[in-house]
Amino acid sequence: INARSLVQEADQVRGESDLEQAEKKYLTAIRLDPKNVDAYRGLADVYRQQQQLQQAKETYNFILQLDPSDGETLMKLAEMAEEAGDTKTAIEHYQKAVLLDDHYAHRFAKLAELLGKMEELETALEAIRQAVELEPQNPKYLDMWAEISILSGRKEEAEKAWQELRMVNPENQKLEGFEERIRD
């Protein structure tokens, strides 16, 4: 039996919520192939599901040592930091993830959301512009663009975002409120 087939079996039993069995199979796969990123990724996910957050974090960080270009692992570390209330670390991980691969609108949107919470509005605006550029028809991103533009005092940009949102989602409940806030 090889590491790859063990990882596949582990993925299957993890899907069936047998986390203990999945953990054993991932560990066996790692013993057979100590650089098997998929085995470590599965193991880290198991630890996370079991709320063994320190082990999950350490395993995700080890994956990044094996493969520094693993954007999905950065996203998981960002989510964990966010869940733990560590917004600053979450932002750092999301920033690294978008630098690795700037083709995922949701990564930019997540970054914009957290930067907005930290009141780093200029950087948040940059991030949400990137998300909108990648998915110009996404009402959630257009909504966020309008909101951040208003908060940062950019009326013309807020107006543009509002117009785009109106075209994409004319039923949006926030349109009237946005219009009033832009006019003020």
N, C-alpha and C. Protein backbone atom coordinates (compact mmCIF):
# COMPACT_ATOMS: atom_id res chain seq x y z
N ILE A 1 0.85 -1.19 0.00
CA ILE A 1 0.00 0.00 0.00
C ILE A 1 0.89 1.24 0.00
N ASN A 2 0.50 2.24 -0.80
CA ASN A 2 1.33 3.44 -0.88
C ASN A 2 0.65 4.64 -0.20
N ALA A 3 1.41 5.71 -0.04
CA ALA A 3 0.92 6.90 0.67
C ALA A 3 -0.28 7.51 -0.03
N ARG A 4 -0.23 7.57 -1.36
CA ARG A 4 -1.33 8.20 -2.09
C ARG A 4 -2.66 7.49 -1.86
N SER A 5 -2.65 6.15 -1.91
CA SER A 5 -3.91 5.43 -1.70
C SER A 5 -4.38 5.55 -0.25
N LEU A 6 -3.42 5.63 0.69
CA LEU A 6 -3.80 5.84 2.09
C LEU A 6 -4.48 7.20 2.28
N VAL A 7 -3.95 8.21 1.61
CA VAL A 7 -4.55 9.55 1.70
C VAL A 7 -5.97 9.52 1.13
N GLN A 8 -6.15 8.81 0.03
CA GLN A 8 -7.50 8.70 -0.56
C GLN A 8 -8.45 8.00 0.41
N GLU A 9 -7.99 6.91 1.04
CA GLU A 9 -8.82 6.21 2.03
C GLU A 9 -9.14 7.13 3.20
N ALA A 10 -8.12 7.86 3.66
CA ALA A 10 -8.30 8.77 4.80
C ALA A 10 -9.31 9.86 4.45
N ASP A 11 -9.20 10.40 3.23
CA ASP A 11 -10.15 11.43 2.78
C ASP A 11 -11.57 10.87 2.81
N GLN A 12 -11.71 9.61 2.38
CA GLN A 12 -13.03 8.98 2.33
C GLN A 12 -13.60 8.81 3.74
N VAL A 13 -12.82 8.26 4.67
CA VAL A 13 -13.35 8.04 6.02
C VAL A 13 -13.57 9.38 6.74
N ARG A 14 -12.75 10.39 6.40
CA ARG A 14 -12.98 11.71 6.98
C ARG A 14 -14.32 12.25 6.49
N GLY A 15 -14.62 12.01 5.22
CA GLY A 15 -15.90 12.41 4.64
C GLY A 15 -17.07 11.73 5.33
N GLU A 16 -16.82 10.56 5.86
CA GLU A 16 -17.85 9.82 6.60
C GLU A 16 -17.79 10.16 8.09
N SER A 17 -17.00 11.17 8.44
CA SER A 17 -16.86 11.68 9.81
C SER A 17 -16.20 10.72 10.79
N ASP A 18 -15.44 9.74 10.28
CA ASP A 18 -14.67 8.87 11.17
C ASP A 18 -13.28 9.51 11.31
N LEU A 19 -13.20 10.52 12.17
CA LEU A 19 -12.00 11.33 12.26
C LEU A 19 -10.81 10.55 12.83
N GLU A 20 -11.07 9.66 13.80
CA GLU A 20 -9.97 8.88 14.39
C GLU A 20 -9.32 7.99 13.34
N GLN A 21 -10.15 7.30 12.56
CA GLN A 21 -9.63 6.42 11.51
C GLN A 21 -8.89 7.24 10.45
N ALA A 22 -9.44 8.40 10.10
CA ALA A 22 -8.80 9.27 9.11
C ALA A 22 -7.43 9.72 9.62
N GLU A 23 -7.37 10.12 10.89
CA GLU A 23 -6.11 10.57 11.49
C GLU A 23 -5.04 9.47 11.40
N LYS A 24 -5.43 8.24 11.74
CA LYS A 24 -4.49 7.11 11.69
C LYS A 24 -3.96 6.90 10.27
N LYS A 25 -4.85 6.96 9.28
CA LYS A 25 -4.45 6.74 7.89
C LYS A 25 -3.53 7.86 7.40
N TYR A 26 -3.85 9.10 7.76
CA TYR A 26 -2.97 10.22 7.36
C TYR A 26 -1.58 10.06 7.98
N LEU A 27 -1.54 9.69 9.26
CA LEU A 27 -0.24 9.52 9.94
C LEU A 27 0.57 8.39 9.32
N THR A 28 -0.12 7.31 8.94
CA THR A 28 0.57 6.20 8.28
C THR A 28 1.12 6.65 6.92
N ALA A 29 0.31 7.42 6.19
CA ALA A 29 0.76 7.94 4.89
C ALA A 29 1.99 8.82 5.06
N ILE A 30 2.00 9.63 6.12
CA ILE A 30 3.14 10.51 6.39
C ILE A 30 4.39 9.71 6.73
N ARG A 31 4.20 8.59 7.47
CA ARG A 31 5.36 7.73 7.78
C ARG A 31 5.94 7.14 6.49
N LEU A 32 5.07 6.78 5.55
CA LEU A 32 5.54 6.23 4.27
C LEU A 32 6.17 7.30 3.37
N ASP A 33 5.61 8.51 3.44
CA ASP A 33 6.09 9.61 2.58
C ASP A 33 6.07 10.90 3.40
N PRO A 34 7.17 11.20 4.08
CA PRO A 34 7.23 12.34 5.00
C PRO A 34 7.04 13.72 4.35
N LYS A 35 7.00 13.78 3.02
CA LYS A 35 6.79 15.08 2.36
C LYS A 35 5.46 15.13 1.61
N ASN A 36 4.53 14.26 1.98
CA ASN A 36 3.24 14.20 1.29
C ASN A 36 2.33 15.32 1.81
N VAL A 37 2.25 16.40 1.05
CA VAL A 37 1.49 17.58 1.46
C VAL A 37 0.00 17.25 1.64
N ASP A 38 -0.55 16.40 0.77
CA ASP A 38 -1.97 16.05 0.88
C ASP A 38 -2.26 15.34 2.21
N ALA A 39 -1.34 14.50 2.66
CA ALA A 39 -1.52 13.80 3.93
C ALA A 39 -1.50 14.81 5.09
N TYR A 40 -0.56 15.75 5.04
CA TYR A 40 -0.50 16.77 6.09
C TYR A 40 -1.75 17.65 6.07
N ARG A 41 -2.20 17.99 4.87
CA ARG A 41 -3.39 18.84 4.74
C ARG A 41 -4.60 18.13 5.35
N GLY A 42 -4.75 16.86 5.02
CA GLY A 42 -5.86 16.08 5.58
C GLY A 42 -5.76 15.99 7.09
N LEU A 43 -4.55 15.74 7.59
CA LEU A 43 -4.33 15.63 9.03
C LEU A 43 -4.67 16.95 9.72
N ALA A 44 -4.23 18.06 9.14
CA ALA A 44 -4.52 19.38 9.73
C ALA A 44 -6.03 19.63 9.76
N ASP A 45 -6.72 19.24 8.68
CA ASP A 45 -8.18 19.41 8.64
C ASP A 45 -8.86 18.57 9.71
N VAL A 46 -8.35 17.34 9.92
CA VAL A 46 -8.90 16.48 10.98
C VAL A 46 -8.71 17.16 12.34
N TYR A 47 -7.49 17.64 12.61
CA TYR A 47 -7.23 18.32 13.87
C TYR A 47 -8.18 19.50 14.07
N ARG A 48 -8.40 20.23 12.99
CA ARG A 48 -9.29 21.39 13.08
C ARG A 48 -10.72 20.95 13.41
N GLN A 49 -11.17 19.89 12.73
CA GLN A 49 -12.52 19.37 13.00
C GLN A 49 -12.64 18.86 14.44
N GLN A 50 -11.55 18.35 14.98
CA GLN A 50 -11.57 17.83 16.35
C GLN A 50 -11.32 18.94 17.38
N GLN A 51 -11.24 20.19 16.89
CA GLN A 51 -10.97 21.35 17.75
C GLN A 51 -9.59 21.28 18.41
N GLN A 52 -8.68 20.51 17.84
CA GLN A 52 -7.29 20.50 18.30
C GLN A 52 -6.57 21.59 17.52
N LEU A 53 -6.88 22.84 17.88
CA LEU A 53 -6.50 23.97 17.04
C LEU A 53 -5.00 24.21 17.00
N GLN A 54 -4.31 23.98 18.11
CA GLN A 54 -2.86 24.18 18.11
C GLN A 54 -2.18 23.20 17.15
N GLN A 55 -2.60 21.91 17.20
CA GLN A 55 -2.02 20.92 16.29
C GLN A 55 -2.35 21.27 14.84
N ALA A 56 -3.58 21.71 14.61
CA ALA A 56 -3.98 22.08 13.24
C ALA A 56 -3.10 23.21 12.73
N LYS A 57 -2.93 24.24 13.57
CA LYS A 57 -2.13 25.40 13.18
C LYS A 57 -0.67 25.00 12.89
N GLU A 58 -0.10 24.18 13.77
CA GLU A 58 1.27 23.72 13.56
C GLU A 58 1.40 22.91 12.28
N THR A 59 0.42 22.08 12.01
CA THR A 59 0.47 21.25 10.80
C THR A 59 0.32 22.12 9.55
N TYR A 60 -0.61 23.09 9.57
CA TYR A 60 -0.76 24.01 8.43
C TYR A 60 0.56 24.78 8.20
N ASN A 61 1.18 25.23 9.28
CA ASN A 61 2.45 25.96 9.14
C ASN A 61 3.54 25.06 8.55
N PHE A 62 3.53 23.78 8.93
CA PHE A 62 4.50 22.83 8.38
C PHE A 62 4.26 22.64 6.87
N ILE A 63 2.99 22.60 6.47
CA ILE A 63 2.67 22.48 5.04
C ILE A 63 3.29 23.64 4.28
N LEU A 64 3.23 24.84 4.86
CA LEU A 64 3.80 26.02 4.19
C LEU A 64 5.32 25.93 4.10
N GLN A 65 5.94 25.20 5.04
CA GLN A 65 7.39 24.97 4.92
C GLN A 65 7.67 24.05 3.73
N LEU A 66 6.81 23.04 3.55
CA LEU A 66 6.98 22.11 2.42
C LEU A 66 6.61 22.78 1.10
N ASP A 67 5.57 23.60 1.13
CA ASP A 67 5.08 24.26 -0.09
C ASP A 67 4.65 25.69 0.24
N PRO A 68 5.58 26.64 0.16
CA PRO A 68 5.27 28.04 0.50
C PRO A 68 4.21 28.68 -0.41
N SER A 69 3.91 28.05 -1.53
CA SER A 69 2.93 28.63 -2.45
C SER A 69 1.53 28.05 -2.28
N ASP A 70 1.25 27.43 -1.13
CA ASP A 70 -0.04 26.80 -0.89
C ASP A 70 -1.05 27.83 -0.36
N GLY A 71 -1.76 28.44 -1.29
CA GLY A 71 -2.74 29.47 -0.94
C GLY A 71 -3.89 28.96 -0.10
N GLU A 72 -4.34 27.73 -0.36
CA GLU A 72 -5.46 27.19 0.41
C GLU A 72 -5.09 27.05 1.89
N THR A 73 -3.87 26.65 2.15
CA THR A 73 -3.41 26.52 3.54
C THR A 73 -3.34 27.89 4.20
N LEU A 74 -2.89 28.89 3.47
CA LEU A 74 -2.89 30.26 4.01
C LEU A 74 -4.32 30.71 4.34
N MET A 75 -5.26 30.35 3.48
CA MET A 75 -6.66 30.70 3.72
C MET A 75 -7.17 30.03 5.00
N LYS A 76 -6.79 28.77 5.22
CA LYS A 76 -7.24 28.07 6.42
C LYS A 76 -6.63 28.69 7.67
N LEU A 77 -5.36 29.07 7.61
CA LEU A 77 -4.72 29.75 8.74
C LEU A 77 -5.40 31.11 8.99
N ALA A 78 -5.76 31.79 7.92
CA ALA A 78 -6.45 33.08 8.05
C ALA A 78 -7.81 32.89 8.73
N GLU A 79 -8.56 31.88 8.28
CA GLU A 79 -9.87 31.60 8.88
C GLU A 79 -9.73 31.26 10.36
N MET A 80 -8.73 30.44 10.69
CA MET A 80 -8.52 30.07 12.09
C MET A 80 -8.17 31.31 12.94
N ALA A 81 -7.31 32.17 12.41
CA ALA A 81 -6.94 33.39 13.14
C ALA A 81 -8.17 34.26 13.34
N GLU A 82 -8.99 34.35 12.30
CA GLU A 82 -10.21 35.16 12.39
C GLU A 82 -11.16 34.58 13.44
N GLU A 83 -11.34 33.26 13.41
CA GLU A 83 -12.21 32.59 14.40
C GLU A 83 -11.71 32.82 15.82
N ALA A 84 -10.38 32.92 15.97
CA ALA A 84 -9.78 33.13 17.30
C ALA A 84 -9.79 34.61 17.69
N GLY A 85 -10.31 35.47 16.79
CA GLY A 85 -10.38 36.89 17.09
C GLY A 85 -9.08 37.64 16.82
N ASP A 86 -8.14 37.00 16.12
CA ASP A 86 -6.86 37.63 15.81
C ASP A 86 -6.92 38.21 14.39
N THR A 87 -7.58 39.34 14.26
CA THR A 87 -7.82 39.94 12.95
C THR A 87 -6.52 40.32 12.25
N LYS A 88 -5.55 40.81 13.01
CA LYS A 88 -4.28 41.24 12.42
C LYS A 88 -3.58 40.07 11.71
N THR A 89 -3.49 38.92 12.40
CA THR A 89 -2.86 37.73 11.80
C THR A 89 -3.69 37.24 10.61
N ALA A 90 -5.02 37.26 10.75
CA ALA A 90 -5.89 36.84 9.64
C ALA A 90 -5.60 37.69 8.40
N ILE A 91 -5.50 39.01 8.59
CA ILE A 91 -5.22 39.90 7.47
C ILE A 91 -3.88 39.55 6.82
N GLU A 92 -2.86 39.28 7.65
CA GLU A 92 -1.54 38.93 7.11
C GLU A 92 -1.63 37.68 6.23
N HIS A 93 -2.36 36.67 6.70
CA HIS A 93 -2.49 35.43 5.92
C HIS A 93 -3.28 35.67 4.63
N TYR A 94 -4.38 36.43 4.72
CA TYR A 94 -5.15 36.74 3.51
C TYR A 94 -4.30 37.52 2.51
N GLN A 95 -3.48 38.47 3.01
CA GLN A 95 -2.62 39.24 2.11
C GLN A 95 -1.62 38.33 1.40
N LYS A 96 -1.03 37.40 2.15
CA LYS A 96 -0.08 36.46 1.52
C LYS A 96 -0.80 35.61 0.47
N ALA A 97 -2.04 35.20 0.77
CA ALA A 97 -2.80 34.37 -0.16
C ALA A 97 -3.10 35.12 -1.45
N VAL A 98 -3.48 36.40 -1.36
CA VAL A 98 -3.77 37.14 -2.60
C VAL A 98 -2.49 37.45 -3.37
N LEU A 99 -1.37 37.61 -2.66
CA LEU A 99 -0.11 37.83 -3.36
C LEU A 99 0.32 36.58 -4.13
N LEU A 100 0.02 35.41 -3.58
CA LEU A 100 0.37 34.14 -4.24
C LEU A 100 -0.46 33.93 -5.50
N ASP A 101 -1.74 34.26 -5.40
CA ASP A 101 -2.64 34.04 -6.53
C ASP A 101 -3.75 35.07 -6.48
N ASP A 102 -3.72 36.00 -7.43
CA ASP A 102 -4.69 37.10 -7.42
C ASP A 102 -5.88 36.84 -8.33
N HIS A 103 -6.25 35.59 -8.48
CA HIS A 103 -7.40 35.24 -9.33
C HIS A 103 -8.65 34.88 -8.54
N TYR A 104 -8.60 35.01 -7.22
CA TYR A 104 -9.74 34.62 -6.38
C TYR A 104 -10.38 35.85 -5.76
N ALA A 105 -11.53 36.23 -6.29
CA ALA A 105 -12.23 37.43 -5.81
C ALA A 105 -12.58 37.32 -4.33
N HIS A 106 -12.98 36.11 -3.88
CA HIS A 106 -13.40 35.97 -2.47
C HIS A 106 -12.26 36.27 -1.50
N ARG A 107 -11.02 36.03 -1.92
CA ARG A 107 -9.88 36.34 -1.05
C ARG A 107 -9.75 37.85 -0.87
N PHE A 108 -9.90 38.59 -1.98
CA PHE A 108 -9.83 40.05 -1.90
C PHE A 108 -10.99 40.61 -1.07
N ALA A 109 -12.18 40.03 -1.27
CA ALA A 109 -13.36 40.50 -0.53
C ALA A 109 -13.19 40.26 0.97
N LYS A 110 -12.67 39.12 1.32
CA LYS A 110 -12.44 38.79 2.74
C LYS A 110 -11.43 39.77 3.33
N LEU A 111 -10.39 40.03 2.58
CA LEU A 111 -9.37 40.98 3.01
C LEU A 111 -9.99 42.37 3.20
N ALA A 112 -10.81 42.79 2.25
CA ALA A 112 -11.47 44.10 2.34
C ALA A 112 -12.36 44.18 3.58
N GLU A 113 -13.08 43.10 3.84
CA GLU A 113 -13.97 43.06 5.00
C GLU A 113 -13.19 43.26 6.30
N LEU A 114 -12.10 42.51 6.46
CA LEU A 114 -11.32 42.61 7.70
C LEU A 114 -10.59 43.95 7.81
N LEU A 115 -10.06 44.45 6.70
CA LEU A 115 -9.39 45.75 6.73
C LEU A 115 -10.40 46.84 7.08
N GLY A 116 -11.62 46.69 6.59
CA GLY A 116 -12.68 47.65 6.94
C GLY A 116 -12.96 47.65 8.44
N LYS A 117 -13.01 46.45 9.02
CA LYS A 117 -13.22 46.32 10.48
C LYS A 117 -12.10 47.01 11.25
N MET A 118 -10.88 46.95 10.69
CA MET A 118 -9.72 47.56 11.35
C MET A 118 -9.62 49.05 11.00
N GLU A 119 -10.62 49.54 10.24
CA GLU A 119 -10.68 50.93 9.79
C GLU A 119 -9.48 51.34 8.94
N GLU A 120 -8.93 50.37 8.22
CA GLU A 120 -7.88 50.64 7.24
C GLU A 120 -8.58 50.77 5.89
N LEU A 121 -9.32 51.88 5.74
CA LEU A 121 -10.26 52.02 4.63
C LEU A 121 -9.60 52.12 3.26
N GLU A 122 -8.46 52.80 3.16
CA GLU A 122 -7.80 52.92 1.85
C GLU A 122 -7.38 51.55 1.33
N THR A 123 -6.78 50.75 2.21
CA THR A 123 -6.34 49.41 1.81
C THR A 123 -7.54 48.51 1.54
N ALA A 124 -8.59 48.67 2.35
CA ALA A 124 -9.83 47.91 2.14
C ALA A 124 -10.43 48.23 0.77
N LEU A 125 -10.39 49.51 0.42
CA LEU A 125 -10.93 49.95 -0.87
C LEU A 125 -10.14 49.31 -2.02
N GLU A 126 -8.82 49.29 -1.90
CA GLU A 126 -7.98 48.63 -2.92
C GLU A 126 -8.39 47.17 -3.08
N ALA A 127 -8.56 46.49 -1.96
CA ALA A 127 -8.90 45.06 -1.99
C ALA A 127 -10.26 44.82 -2.63
N ILE A 128 -11.26 45.63 -2.26
CA ILE A 128 -12.61 45.39 -2.81
C ILE A 128 -12.65 45.76 -4.29
N ARG A 129 -11.87 46.75 -4.70
CA ARG A 129 -11.78 47.06 -6.14
C ARG A 129 -11.28 45.85 -6.91
N GLN A 130 -10.29 45.15 -6.35
CA GLN A 130 -9.75 43.95 -7.00
C GLN A 130 -10.82 42.86 -7.12
N ALA A 131 -11.59 42.68 -6.04
CA ALA A 131 -12.67 41.67 -6.06
C ALA A 131 -13.69 42.01 -7.14
N VAL A 132 -14.08 43.30 -7.22
CA VAL A 132 -15.07 43.73 -8.20
C VAL A 132 -14.52 43.59 -9.62
N GLU A 133 -13.23 43.85 -9.78
CA GLU A 133 -12.61 43.70 -11.10
C GLU A 133 -12.71 42.24 -11.56
N LEU A 134 -12.51 41.31 -10.61
CA LEU A 134 -12.57 39.88 -10.95
C LEU A 134 -14.01 39.39 -11.13
N GLU A 135 -14.93 39.93 -10.35
CA GLU A 135 -16.34 39.52 -10.44
C GLU A 135 -17.24 40.75 -10.45
N PRO A 136 -17.31 41.44 -11.60
CA PRO A 136 -18.03 42.71 -11.66
C PRO A 136 -19.54 42.60 -11.46
N GLN A 137 -20.08 41.41 -11.55
CA GLN A 137 -21.53 41.23 -11.40
C GLN A 137 -21.91 40.74 -10.00
N ASN A 138 -20.96 40.63 -9.09
CA ASN A 138 -21.24 40.07 -7.77
C ASN A 138 -21.85 41.15 -6.87
N PRO A 139 -23.15 41.02 -6.53
CA PRO A 139 -23.81 42.06 -5.74
C PRO A 139 -23.19 42.26 -4.35
N LYS A 140 -22.68 41.18 -3.76
CA LYS A 140 -22.07 41.29 -2.43
C LYS A 140 -20.83 42.20 -2.50
N TYR A 141 -20.04 42.02 -3.54
CA TYR A 141 -18.81 42.81 -3.68
C TYR A 141 -19.15 44.26 -4.03
N LEU A 142 -20.16 44.46 -4.90
CA LEU A 142 -20.57 45.81 -5.25
C LEU A 142 -21.11 46.54 -4.02
N ASP A 143 -21.86 45.83 -3.21
CA ASP A 143 -22.40 46.37 -1.96
C ASP A 143 -21.25 46.82 -1.05
N MET A 144 -20.25 45.95 -0.90
CA MET A 144 -19.11 46.26 -0.05
C MET A 144 -18.32 47.44 -0.62
N TRP A 145 -18.21 47.49 -1.94
CA TRP A 145 -17.49 48.59 -2.60
C TRP A 145 -18.18 49.92 -2.30
N ALA A 146 -19.52 49.92 -2.42
CA ALA A 146 -20.29 51.14 -2.12
C ALA A 146 -20.09 51.54 -0.66
N GLU A 147 -20.22 50.58 0.22
CA GLU A 147 -20.10 50.84 1.66
C GLU A 147 -18.72 51.42 2.02
N ILE A 148 -17.67 50.78 1.56
CA ILE A 148 -16.32 51.24 1.90
C ILE A 148 -16.03 52.60 1.26
N SER A 149 -16.55 52.81 0.04
CA SER A 149 -16.37 54.11 -0.63
C SER A 149 -17.05 55.22 0.17
N ILE A 150 -18.23 54.96 0.65
CA ILE A 150 -18.96 55.95 1.47
C ILE A 150 -18.18 56.24 2.74
N LEU A 151 -17.75 55.17 3.43
CA LEU A 151 -17.02 55.34 4.69
C LEU A 151 -15.71 56.11 4.50
N SER A 152 -15.08 55.95 3.34
CA SER A 152 -13.80 56.63 3.13
C SER A 152 -13.99 58.00 2.45
N GLY A 153 -15.25 58.42 2.34
CA GLY A 153 -15.53 59.76 1.82
C GLY A 153 -15.32 59.93 0.33
N ARG A 154 -15.36 58.85 -0.41
CA ARG A 154 -15.17 58.91 -1.87
C ARG A 154 -16.52 58.88 -2.56
N LYS A 155 -17.15 60.03 -2.63
CA LYS A 155 -18.53 60.11 -3.16
C LYS A 155 -18.65 59.65 -4.61
N GLU A 156 -17.70 60.07 -5.45
CA GLU A 156 -17.80 59.68 -6.86
C GLU A 156 -17.69 58.17 -7.03
N GLU A 157 -16.78 57.59 -6.29
CA GLU A 157 -16.61 56.13 -6.38
C GLU A 157 -17.82 55.42 -5.78
N ALA A 158 -18.34 55.96 -4.68
CA ALA A 158 -19.54 55.39 -4.05
C ALA A 158 -20.71 55.44 -5.03
N GLU A 159 -20.82 56.56 -5.73
CA GLU A 159 -21.88 56.73 -6.74
C GLU A 159 -21.75 55.67 -7.84
N LYS A 160 -20.50 55.46 -8.31
CA LYS A 160 -20.25 54.46 -9.35
C LYS A 160 -20.62 53.06 -8.85
N ALA A 161 -20.19 52.73 -7.63
CA ALA A 161 -20.51 51.43 -7.05
C ALA A 161 -22.02 51.25 -6.90
N TRP A 162 -22.68 52.32 -6.47
CA TRP A 162 -24.14 52.28 -6.29
C TRP A 162 -24.83 52.04 -7.63
N GLN A 163 -24.37 52.74 -8.70
CA GLN A 163 -24.95 52.56 -10.03
C GLN A 163 -24.77 51.11 -10.51
N GLU A 164 -23.56 50.57 -10.31
CA GLU A 164 -23.29 49.19 -10.71
C GLU A 164 -24.19 48.21 -9.95
N LEU A 165 -24.32 48.44 -8.66
CA LEU A 165 -25.16 47.57 -7.82
C LEU A 165 -26.61 47.64 -8.28
N ARG A 166 -27.06 48.85 -8.62
CA ARG A 166 -28.44 49.05 -9.08
C ARG A 166 -28.70 48.27 -10.36
N MET A 167 -27.69 48.23 -11.26
CA MET A 167 -27.84 47.51 -12.52
C MET A 167 -27.88 46.00 -12.29
N VAL A 168 -27.02 45.52 -11.40
CA VAL A 168 -26.89 44.08 -11.17
C VAL A 168 -28.00 43.55 -10.27
N ASN A 169 -28.39 44.36 -9.30
CA ASN A 169 -29.35 43.88 -8.30
C ASN A 169 -30.35 44.98 -7.95
N PRO A 170 -31.30 45.27 -8.87
CA PRO A 170 -32.24 46.38 -8.65
C PRO A 170 -33.17 46.19 -7.45
N GLU A 171 -33.26 44.95 -6.96
CA GLU A 171 -34.14 44.66 -5.81
C GLU A 171 -33.42 44.83 -4.47
N ASN A 172 -32.13 45.17 -4.51
CA ASN A 172 -31.33 45.26 -3.29
C ASN A 172 -31.96 46.26 -2.31
N GLN A 173 -32.17 45.80 -1.09
CA GLN A 173 -32.81 46.60 -0.05
C GLN A 173 -31.97 47.80 0.38
N LYS A 174 -30.67 47.73 0.16
CA LYS A 174 -29.77 48.79 0.62
C LYS A 174 -29.64 49.96 -0.35
N LEU A 175 -30.17 49.82 -1.57
CA LEU A 175 -29.96 50.85 -2.59
C LEU A 175 -30.41 52.23 -2.14
N GLU A 176 -31.60 52.29 -1.56
CA GLU A 176 -32.13 53.59 -1.13
C GLU A 176 -31.26 54.21 -0.04
N GLY A 177 -30.84 53.39 0.92
CA GLY A 177 -29.97 53.87 2.00
C GLY A 177 -28.63 54.35 1.47
N PHE A 178 -28.07 53.61 0.53
CA PHE A 178 -26.80 54.02 -0.07
C PHE A 178 -26.98 55.38 -0.76
N GLU A 179 -28.08 55.50 -1.53
CA GLU A 179 -28.32 56.75 -2.26
C GLU A 179 -28.37 57.93 -1.30
N GLU A 180 -29.10 57.77 -0.22
CA GLU A 180 -29.21 58.86 0.78
C GLU A 180 -27.86 59.20 1.38
N ARG A 181 -27.07 58.18 1.73
CA ARG A 181 -25.75 58.40 2.35
C ARG A 181 -24.78 59.06 1.37
N ILE A 182 -24.90 58.73 0.08
CA ILE A 182 -24.03 59.35 -0.93
C ILE A 182 -24.40 60.83 -1.09
N ARG A 183 -25.70 61.12 -1.06
CA ARG A 183 -26.19 62.50 -1.26
C ARG A 183 -25.80 63.39 -0.08
N ASP A 184 -25.69 62.82 1.12
CA ASP A 184 -25.41 63.64 2.32
C ASP A 184 -24.05 64.30 2.30
